[in-house]
Amino acid sequence: MAKYLAQAIMVGAQVVGRAFTRALREEINASKQAAAKAGGGQAGQQRAAINLKSGITLEEAMQILNVKDIDATKTVQEKYDHLFKVNEKKAGGSFYIQSKVVRAKERIDEELLQKNPTPSAEETLTPPTPPSSS
C-alpha cells in the first residue's frame, strides 16, 4: 500500500514539475516577445520604463484618444481636449474616464519627448488645468 502511495506522489510531483517548467518557458518566451515588440535594446528598456512609470502602454494611449499617428500633435490635442471636456464632472461625465484620458495624453507626450528630446514651442503639449471648484 505504501508503495502505491509513494508512486502516486512521485507521479503527481512529476506532473506538477512539468507544468511548472512549461509555464516558466512560456513566460520567458512572452517576455522576449514583449521586449522585441517594445523595440529591444536601449529603446525597449526606455519604453518599458515609461510604460511602468505611466501605467499605460503607448498602444493603449493611442486607443483611448483614438489616434493612429502620435506625430499628428494637433489631432492628438484636439482629441484630448474634446474627451477631457466631455468627461468633466460638471457635464455629467466620468472622473475615471477623464483621468484615463489625461494619462493617455501624458503617455503620448512622453513618447514624443523620447523621439524629439528638444521639442519646439508648438509641439509642447500640456493638458489643460482642471477648472477650480468654487
N, C-alpha and C. Protein backbone atom coordinates (compact mmCIF):
# COMPACT_ATOMS: atom_id res chain seq x y z
N MET A 1 0.82 -1.19 0.00
CA MET A 1 0.00 0.00 0.00
C MET A 1 0.87 1.26 0.00
N ALA A 2 1.91 1.28 0.82
CA ALA A 2 2.81 2.42 0.89
C ALA A 2 3.54 2.62 -0.43
N LYS A 3 3.80 1.48 -1.10
CA LYS A 3 4.50 1.54 -2.38
C LYS A 3 3.65 2.31 -3.40
N TYR A 4 2.34 2.02 -3.46
CA TYR A 4 1.44 2.69 -4.40
C TYR A 4 1.27 4.16 -4.05
N LEU A 5 1.22 4.44 -2.77
CA LEU A 5 1.11 5.83 -2.33
C LEU A 5 2.36 6.62 -2.74
N ALA A 6 3.52 6.02 -2.56
CA ALA A 6 4.77 6.67 -2.95
C ALA A 6 4.82 6.90 -4.46
N GLN A 7 4.33 5.92 -5.25
CA GLN A 7 4.31 6.06 -6.70
C GLN A 7 3.35 7.18 -7.12
N ALA A 8 2.20 7.25 -6.45
CA ALA A 8 1.22 8.29 -6.77
C ALA A 8 1.80 9.67 -6.47
N ILE A 9 2.52 9.80 -5.37
CA ILE A 9 3.14 11.07 -5.02
C ILE A 9 4.21 11.44 -6.04
N MET A 10 5.00 10.47 -6.46
CA MET A 10 6.05 10.72 -7.44
C MET A 10 5.46 11.16 -8.79
N VAL A 11 4.40 10.49 -9.22
CA VAL A 11 3.77 10.84 -10.49
C VAL A 11 3.18 12.26 -10.39
N GLY A 12 2.54 12.55 -9.28
CA GLY A 12 1.98 13.89 -9.07
C GLY A 12 3.06 14.96 -9.09
N ALA A 13 4.17 14.69 -8.45
CA ALA A 13 5.27 15.64 -8.42
C ALA A 13 5.85 15.85 -9.82
N GLN A 14 5.93 14.78 -10.60
CA GLN A 14 6.43 14.91 -11.96
C GLN A 14 5.50 15.77 -12.82
N VAL A 15 4.20 15.55 -12.66
CA VAL A 15 3.22 16.32 -13.43
C VAL A 15 3.31 17.79 -13.07
N VAL A 16 3.37 18.09 -11.77
CA VAL A 16 3.48 19.48 -11.33
C VAL A 16 4.79 20.08 -11.81
N GLY A 17 5.88 19.34 -11.74
CA GLY A 17 7.18 19.82 -12.20
C GLY A 17 7.17 20.14 -13.68
N ARG A 18 6.57 19.28 -14.49
CA ARG A 18 6.48 19.53 -15.94
C ARG A 18 5.63 20.76 -16.23
N ALA A 19 4.51 20.87 -15.52
CA ALA A 19 3.63 22.02 -15.73
C ALA A 19 4.34 23.32 -15.36
N PHE A 20 5.07 23.30 -14.26
CA PHE A 20 5.81 24.48 -13.84
C PHE A 20 6.88 24.85 -14.86
N THR A 21 7.60 23.86 -15.35
CA THR A 21 8.65 24.10 -16.34
C THR A 21 8.06 24.67 -17.62
N ARG A 22 6.93 24.11 -18.04
CA ARG A 22 6.27 24.60 -19.25
C ARG A 22 5.80 26.05 -19.07
N ALA A 23 5.20 26.35 -17.93
CA ALA A 23 4.73 27.71 -17.66
C ALA A 23 5.90 28.70 -17.63
N LEU A 24 7.00 28.28 -17.04
CA LEU A 24 8.19 29.12 -16.98
C LEU A 24 8.73 29.41 -18.37
N ARG A 25 8.79 28.39 -19.22
CA ARG A 25 9.25 28.59 -20.60
C ARG A 25 8.34 29.55 -21.36
N GLU A 26 7.02 29.38 -21.19
CA GLU A 26 6.07 30.27 -21.86
C GLU A 26 6.23 31.71 -21.38
N GLU A 27 6.47 31.88 -20.10
CA GLU A 27 6.66 33.22 -19.55
C GLU A 27 7.93 33.86 -20.10
N ILE A 28 8.99 33.10 -20.20
CA ILE A 28 10.25 33.61 -20.75
C ILE A 28 10.06 33.99 -22.22
N ASN A 29 9.37 33.16 -22.99
CA ASN A 29 9.12 33.48 -24.40
C ASN A 29 8.25 34.72 -24.53
N ALA A 30 7.23 34.84 -23.68
CA ALA A 30 6.37 36.03 -23.73
C ALA A 30 7.17 37.28 -23.38
N SER A 31 8.07 37.16 -22.43
CA SER A 31 8.91 38.29 -22.04
C SER A 31 9.83 38.70 -23.19
N LYS A 32 10.39 37.73 -23.87
CA LYS A 32 11.26 38.02 -25.02
C LYS A 32 10.47 38.70 -26.14
N GLN A 33 9.26 38.21 -26.39
CA GLN A 33 8.43 38.81 -27.43
C GLN A 33 8.04 40.23 -27.08
N ALA A 34 7.72 40.47 -25.81
CA ALA A 34 7.36 41.82 -25.37
C ALA A 34 8.54 42.77 -25.51
N ALA A 35 9.73 42.28 -25.18
CA ALA A 35 10.93 43.11 -25.31
C ALA A 35 11.20 43.42 -26.78
N ALA A 36 11.02 42.44 -27.64
CA ALA A 36 11.23 42.67 -29.07
C ALA A 36 10.19 43.65 -29.61
N LYS A 37 8.95 43.51 -29.14
CA LYS A 37 7.88 44.40 -29.59
C LYS A 37 8.13 45.83 -29.12
N ALA A 38 8.72 45.97 -27.95
CA ALA A 38 9.00 47.30 -27.40
C ALA A 38 10.19 47.95 -28.08
N GLY A 39 10.87 47.24 -28.93
CA GLY A 39 11.98 47.83 -29.66
C GLY A 39 13.31 47.18 -29.34
N GLY A 40 13.36 46.44 -28.27
CA GLY A 40 14.59 45.76 -27.89
C GLY A 40 15.69 46.74 -27.53
N GLY A 41 16.73 46.25 -26.92
CA GLY A 41 17.89 47.06 -26.58
C GLY A 41 17.56 48.22 -25.67
N GLN A 42 18.30 49.31 -25.84
CA GLN A 42 18.14 50.50 -25.01
C GLN A 42 16.77 51.15 -25.21
N ALA A 43 16.31 51.21 -26.46
CA ALA A 43 15.00 51.81 -26.74
C ALA A 43 13.89 51.02 -26.07
N GLY A 44 13.99 49.71 -26.10
CA GLY A 44 12.99 48.87 -25.46
C GLY A 44 12.99 49.05 -23.95
N GLN A 45 14.16 49.20 -23.37
CA GLN A 45 14.24 49.42 -21.93
C GLN A 45 13.64 50.77 -21.56
N GLN A 46 13.89 51.79 -22.36
CA GLN A 46 13.32 53.11 -22.08
C GLN A 46 11.80 53.08 -22.19
N ARG A 47 11.30 52.41 -23.23
CA ARG A 47 9.85 52.32 -23.42
C ARG A 47 9.21 51.54 -22.27
N ALA A 48 9.85 50.46 -21.85
CA ALA A 48 9.32 49.69 -20.73
C ALA A 48 9.31 50.52 -19.45
N ALA A 49 10.35 51.32 -19.25
CA ALA A 49 10.40 52.19 -18.07
C ALA A 49 9.29 53.23 -18.11
N ILE A 50 9.04 53.80 -19.27
CA ILE A 50 7.97 54.80 -19.41
C ILE A 50 6.62 54.14 -19.18
N ASN A 51 6.44 52.93 -19.74
CA ASN A 51 5.18 52.20 -19.53
C ASN A 51 4.95 51.94 -18.05
N LEU A 52 5.99 51.55 -17.37
CA LEU A 52 5.88 51.26 -15.94
C LEU A 52 5.58 52.52 -15.16
N LYS A 53 6.25 53.61 -15.51
CA LYS A 53 6.06 54.88 -14.82
C LYS A 53 4.65 55.41 -15.00
N SER A 54 4.17 55.38 -16.25
CA SER A 54 2.85 55.95 -16.54
C SER A 54 1.72 54.97 -16.28
N GLY A 55 2.03 53.69 -16.25
CA GLY A 55 0.99 52.70 -16.01
C GLY A 55 0.14 52.40 -17.24
N ILE A 56 0.59 52.86 -18.39
CA ILE A 56 -0.19 52.66 -19.61
C ILE A 56 0.79 52.52 -20.78
N THR A 57 0.47 51.65 -21.71
CA THR A 57 1.34 51.50 -22.87
C THR A 57 0.96 52.53 -23.94
N LEU A 58 1.86 52.72 -24.87
CA LEU A 58 1.60 53.66 -25.96
C LEU A 58 0.39 53.22 -26.78
N GLU A 59 0.26 51.94 -27.01
CA GLU A 59 -0.86 51.43 -27.80
C GLU A 59 -2.18 51.71 -27.10
N GLU A 60 -2.23 51.51 -25.77
CA GLU A 60 -3.43 51.81 -25.01
C GLU A 60 -3.76 53.31 -25.08
N ALA A 61 -2.75 54.13 -24.96
CA ALA A 61 -2.95 55.58 -25.02
C ALA A 61 -3.52 55.99 -26.37
N MET A 62 -3.00 55.39 -27.43
CA MET A 62 -3.50 55.70 -28.77
C MET A 62 -4.95 55.24 -28.94
N GLN A 63 -5.30 54.12 -28.34
CA GLN A 63 -6.68 53.64 -28.41
C GLN A 63 -7.61 54.56 -27.63
N ILE A 64 -7.19 54.98 -26.46
CA ILE A 64 -8.03 55.84 -25.63
C ILE A 64 -8.33 57.15 -26.35
N LEU A 65 -7.31 57.75 -26.94
CA LEU A 65 -7.51 59.02 -27.64
C LEU A 65 -7.96 58.84 -29.08
N ASN A 66 -8.02 57.59 -29.54
CA ASN A 66 -8.47 57.27 -30.88
C ASN A 66 -7.63 57.99 -31.94
N VAL A 67 -6.31 57.83 -31.83
CA VAL A 67 -5.40 58.40 -32.82
C VAL A 67 -4.57 57.28 -33.43
N LYS A 68 -4.23 57.46 -34.68
CA LYS A 68 -3.41 56.47 -35.39
C LYS A 68 -1.94 56.85 -35.38
N ASP A 69 -1.67 58.16 -35.42
CA ASP A 69 -0.30 58.65 -35.52
C ASP A 69 -0.06 59.69 -34.43
N ILE A 70 0.88 59.40 -33.53
CA ILE A 70 1.13 60.33 -32.43
C ILE A 70 1.88 61.57 -32.89
N ASP A 71 2.47 61.51 -34.08
CA ASP A 71 3.20 62.66 -34.58
C ASP A 71 2.26 63.78 -35.06
N ALA A 72 0.99 63.46 -35.23
CA ALA A 72 0.00 64.47 -35.60
C ALA A 72 -0.46 65.15 -34.31
N THR A 73 0.40 66.03 -33.81
CA THR A 73 0.17 66.61 -32.48
C THR A 73 -1.11 67.43 -32.41
N LYS A 74 -1.49 68.07 -33.50
CA LYS A 74 -2.72 68.87 -33.50
C LYS A 74 -3.94 67.96 -33.31
N THR A 75 -3.95 66.84 -34.00
CA THR A 75 -5.05 65.89 -33.87
C THR A 75 -5.10 65.31 -32.46
N VAL A 76 -3.95 64.96 -31.93
CA VAL A 76 -3.88 64.41 -30.57
C VAL A 76 -4.43 65.43 -29.57
N GLN A 77 -4.04 66.69 -29.72
CA GLN A 77 -4.50 67.74 -28.80
C GLN A 77 -6.01 67.96 -28.94
N GLU A 78 -6.52 67.95 -30.18
CA GLU A 78 -7.96 68.14 -30.39
C GLU A 78 -8.75 67.01 -29.75
N LYS A 79 -8.30 65.77 -29.96
CA LYS A 79 -9.00 64.61 -29.38
C LYS A 79 -8.95 64.68 -27.86
N TYR A 80 -7.79 65.06 -27.33
CA TYR A 80 -7.64 65.17 -25.88
C TYR A 80 -8.59 66.23 -25.33
N ASP A 81 -8.58 67.41 -25.93
CA ASP A 81 -9.44 68.50 -25.45
C ASP A 81 -10.91 68.08 -25.47
N HIS A 82 -11.32 67.44 -26.56
CA HIS A 82 -12.72 67.01 -26.67
C HIS A 82 -13.07 66.00 -25.58
N LEU A 83 -12.28 64.96 -25.43
CA LEU A 83 -12.57 63.92 -24.44
C LEU A 83 -12.49 64.46 -23.02
N PHE A 84 -11.57 65.36 -22.78
CA PHE A 84 -11.45 65.95 -21.44
C PHE A 84 -12.70 66.75 -21.10
N LYS A 85 -13.15 67.55 -22.07
CA LYS A 85 -14.32 68.40 -21.85
C LYS A 85 -15.59 67.57 -21.70
N VAL A 86 -15.77 66.57 -22.53
CA VAL A 86 -16.96 65.73 -22.50
C VAL A 86 -17.07 64.97 -21.18
N ASN A 87 -15.94 64.60 -20.61
CA ASN A 87 -15.96 63.79 -19.39
C ASN A 87 -15.78 64.60 -18.12
N GLU A 88 -16.00 65.90 -18.20
CA GLU A 88 -15.95 66.72 -16.99
C GLU A 88 -17.10 66.33 -16.07
N LYS A 89 -16.82 66.37 -14.79
CA LYS A 89 -17.81 66.00 -13.79
C LYS A 89 -19.05 66.90 -13.88
N LYS A 90 -18.84 68.19 -14.13
CA LYS A 90 -19.96 69.14 -14.22
C LYS A 90 -20.86 68.83 -15.41
N ALA A 91 -20.30 68.24 -16.45
CA ALA A 91 -21.07 67.91 -17.65
C ALA A 91 -21.69 66.53 -17.53
N GLY A 92 -21.59 65.93 -16.35
CA GLY A 92 -22.15 64.59 -16.14
C GLY A 92 -21.23 63.49 -16.61
N GLY A 93 -19.97 63.82 -16.79
CA GLY A 93 -19.00 62.84 -17.25
C GLY A 93 -18.42 62.02 -16.12
N SER A 94 -17.48 61.19 -16.47
CA SER A 94 -16.86 60.28 -15.52
C SER A 94 -15.44 60.76 -15.20
N PHE A 95 -15.18 60.96 -13.92
CA PHE A 95 -13.84 61.36 -13.49
C PHE A 95 -12.83 60.26 -13.83
N TYR A 96 -13.26 59.00 -13.73
CA TYR A 96 -12.38 57.87 -14.05
C TYR A 96 -11.94 57.93 -15.51
N ILE A 97 -12.90 58.13 -16.40
CA ILE A 97 -12.57 58.20 -17.83
C ILE A 97 -11.72 59.42 -18.12
N GLN A 98 -12.04 60.52 -17.46
CA GLN A 98 -11.27 61.74 -17.65
C GLN A 98 -9.82 61.51 -17.22
N SER A 99 -9.62 60.81 -16.13
CA SER A 99 -8.25 60.54 -15.68
C SER A 99 -7.53 59.61 -16.65
N LYS A 100 -8.25 58.66 -17.26
CA LYS A 100 -7.64 57.79 -18.27
C LYS A 100 -7.21 58.61 -19.48
N VAL A 101 -8.03 59.59 -19.85
CA VAL A 101 -7.70 60.46 -20.99
C VAL A 101 -6.43 61.26 -20.67
N VAL A 102 -6.33 61.78 -19.45
CA VAL A 102 -5.14 62.55 -19.05
C VAL A 102 -3.91 61.65 -19.07
N ARG A 103 -4.02 60.44 -18.53
CA ARG A 103 -2.87 59.52 -18.53
C ARG A 103 -2.45 59.15 -19.95
N ALA A 104 -3.44 58.96 -20.83
CA ALA A 104 -3.13 58.64 -22.23
C ALA A 104 -2.37 59.79 -22.88
N LYS A 105 -2.81 61.00 -22.63
CA LYS A 105 -2.14 62.18 -23.19
C LYS A 105 -0.72 62.30 -22.65
N GLU A 106 -0.56 62.08 -21.35
CA GLU A 106 0.77 62.13 -20.75
C GLU A 106 1.69 61.08 -21.36
N ARG A 107 1.15 59.89 -21.62
CA ARG A 107 1.97 58.80 -22.20
C ARG A 107 2.41 59.16 -23.61
N ILE A 108 1.51 59.73 -24.39
CA ILE A 108 1.87 60.14 -25.76
C ILE A 108 2.89 61.27 -25.72
N ASP A 109 2.72 62.20 -24.80
CA ASP A 109 3.70 63.28 -24.66
C ASP A 109 5.08 62.74 -24.28
N GLU A 110 5.11 61.74 -23.41
CA GLU A 110 6.39 61.12 -23.03
C GLU A 110 7.06 60.48 -24.24
N GLU A 111 6.26 59.81 -25.06
CA GLU A 111 6.81 59.17 -26.26
C GLU A 111 7.36 60.21 -27.23
N LEU A 112 6.62 61.31 -27.40
CA LEU A 112 7.10 62.38 -28.28
C LEU A 112 8.38 63.00 -27.73
N LEU A 113 8.46 63.13 -26.42
CA LEU A 113 9.65 63.67 -25.79
C LEU A 113 10.85 62.75 -26.01
N GLN A 114 10.61 61.44 -25.99
CA GLN A 114 11.69 60.49 -26.26
C GLN A 114 12.15 60.56 -27.71
N LYS A 115 11.21 60.78 -28.62
CA LYS A 115 11.56 60.88 -30.04
C LYS A 115 12.30 62.18 -30.33
N ASN A 116 11.79 63.28 -29.78
CA ASN A 116 12.35 64.61 -30.01
C ASN A 116 12.74 65.20 -28.66
N PRO A 117 13.97 65.00 -28.22
CA PRO A 117 14.36 65.46 -26.89
C PRO A 117 14.16 66.95 -26.65
N THR A 118 14.23 67.78 -27.69
CA THR A 118 14.02 69.22 -27.51
C THR A 118 12.87 69.67 -28.41
N PRO A 119 11.63 69.51 -27.95
CA PRO A 119 10.50 69.90 -28.78
C PRO A 119 10.39 71.40 -28.92
N SER A 120 9.85 71.84 -30.05
CA SER A 120 9.63 73.26 -30.25
C SER A 120 8.43 73.71 -29.42
N ALA A 121 8.20 74.99 -29.36
CA ALA A 121 7.10 75.52 -28.55
C ALA A 121 5.75 75.03 -29.08
N GLU A 122 5.63 74.85 -30.39
CA GLU A 122 4.37 74.39 -30.97
C GLU A 122 4.08 72.94 -30.59
N GLU A 123 5.14 72.14 -30.50
CA GLU A 123 4.95 70.72 -30.23
C GLU A 123 4.78 70.41 -28.75
N THR A 124 5.07 71.33 -27.88
CA THR A 124 4.92 71.09 -26.45
C THR A 124 3.44 71.13 -26.11
N LEU A 125 2.93 69.98 -25.76
CA LEU A 125 1.51 69.85 -25.47
C LEU A 125 1.32 69.69 -23.98
N THR A 126 0.49 70.51 -23.41
CA THR A 126 0.24 70.40 -21.98
C THR A 126 -1.24 70.24 -21.75
N PRO A 127 -1.61 69.38 -20.82
CA PRO A 127 -3.03 69.20 -20.54
C PRO A 127 -3.58 70.46 -19.88
N PRO A 128 -4.83 70.79 -20.15
CA PRO A 128 -5.41 71.96 -19.52
C PRO A 128 -5.56 71.73 -18.03
N THR A 129 -5.49 72.80 -17.29
CA THR A 129 -5.65 72.67 -15.85
C THR A 129 -7.13 72.48 -15.55
N PRO A 130 -7.45 71.57 -14.63
CA PRO A 130 -8.85 71.36 -14.30
C PRO A 130 -9.45 72.63 -13.73
N PRO A 131 -10.73 72.89 -14.04
CA PRO A 131 -11.35 74.10 -13.53
C PRO A 131 -11.43 74.07 -12.01
N SER A 132 -11.24 75.23 -11.40
CA SER A 132 -11.29 75.29 -9.94
C SER A 132 -12.73 75.16 -9.50
N SER A 133 -12.93 74.39 -8.46
CA SER A 133 -14.27 74.21 -7.94
C SER A 133 -14.54 75.25 -6.88
N SER A 134 -15.35 76.24 -7.25
CA SER A 134 -15.68 77.28 -6.29
C SER A 134 -17.15 77.30 -5.99
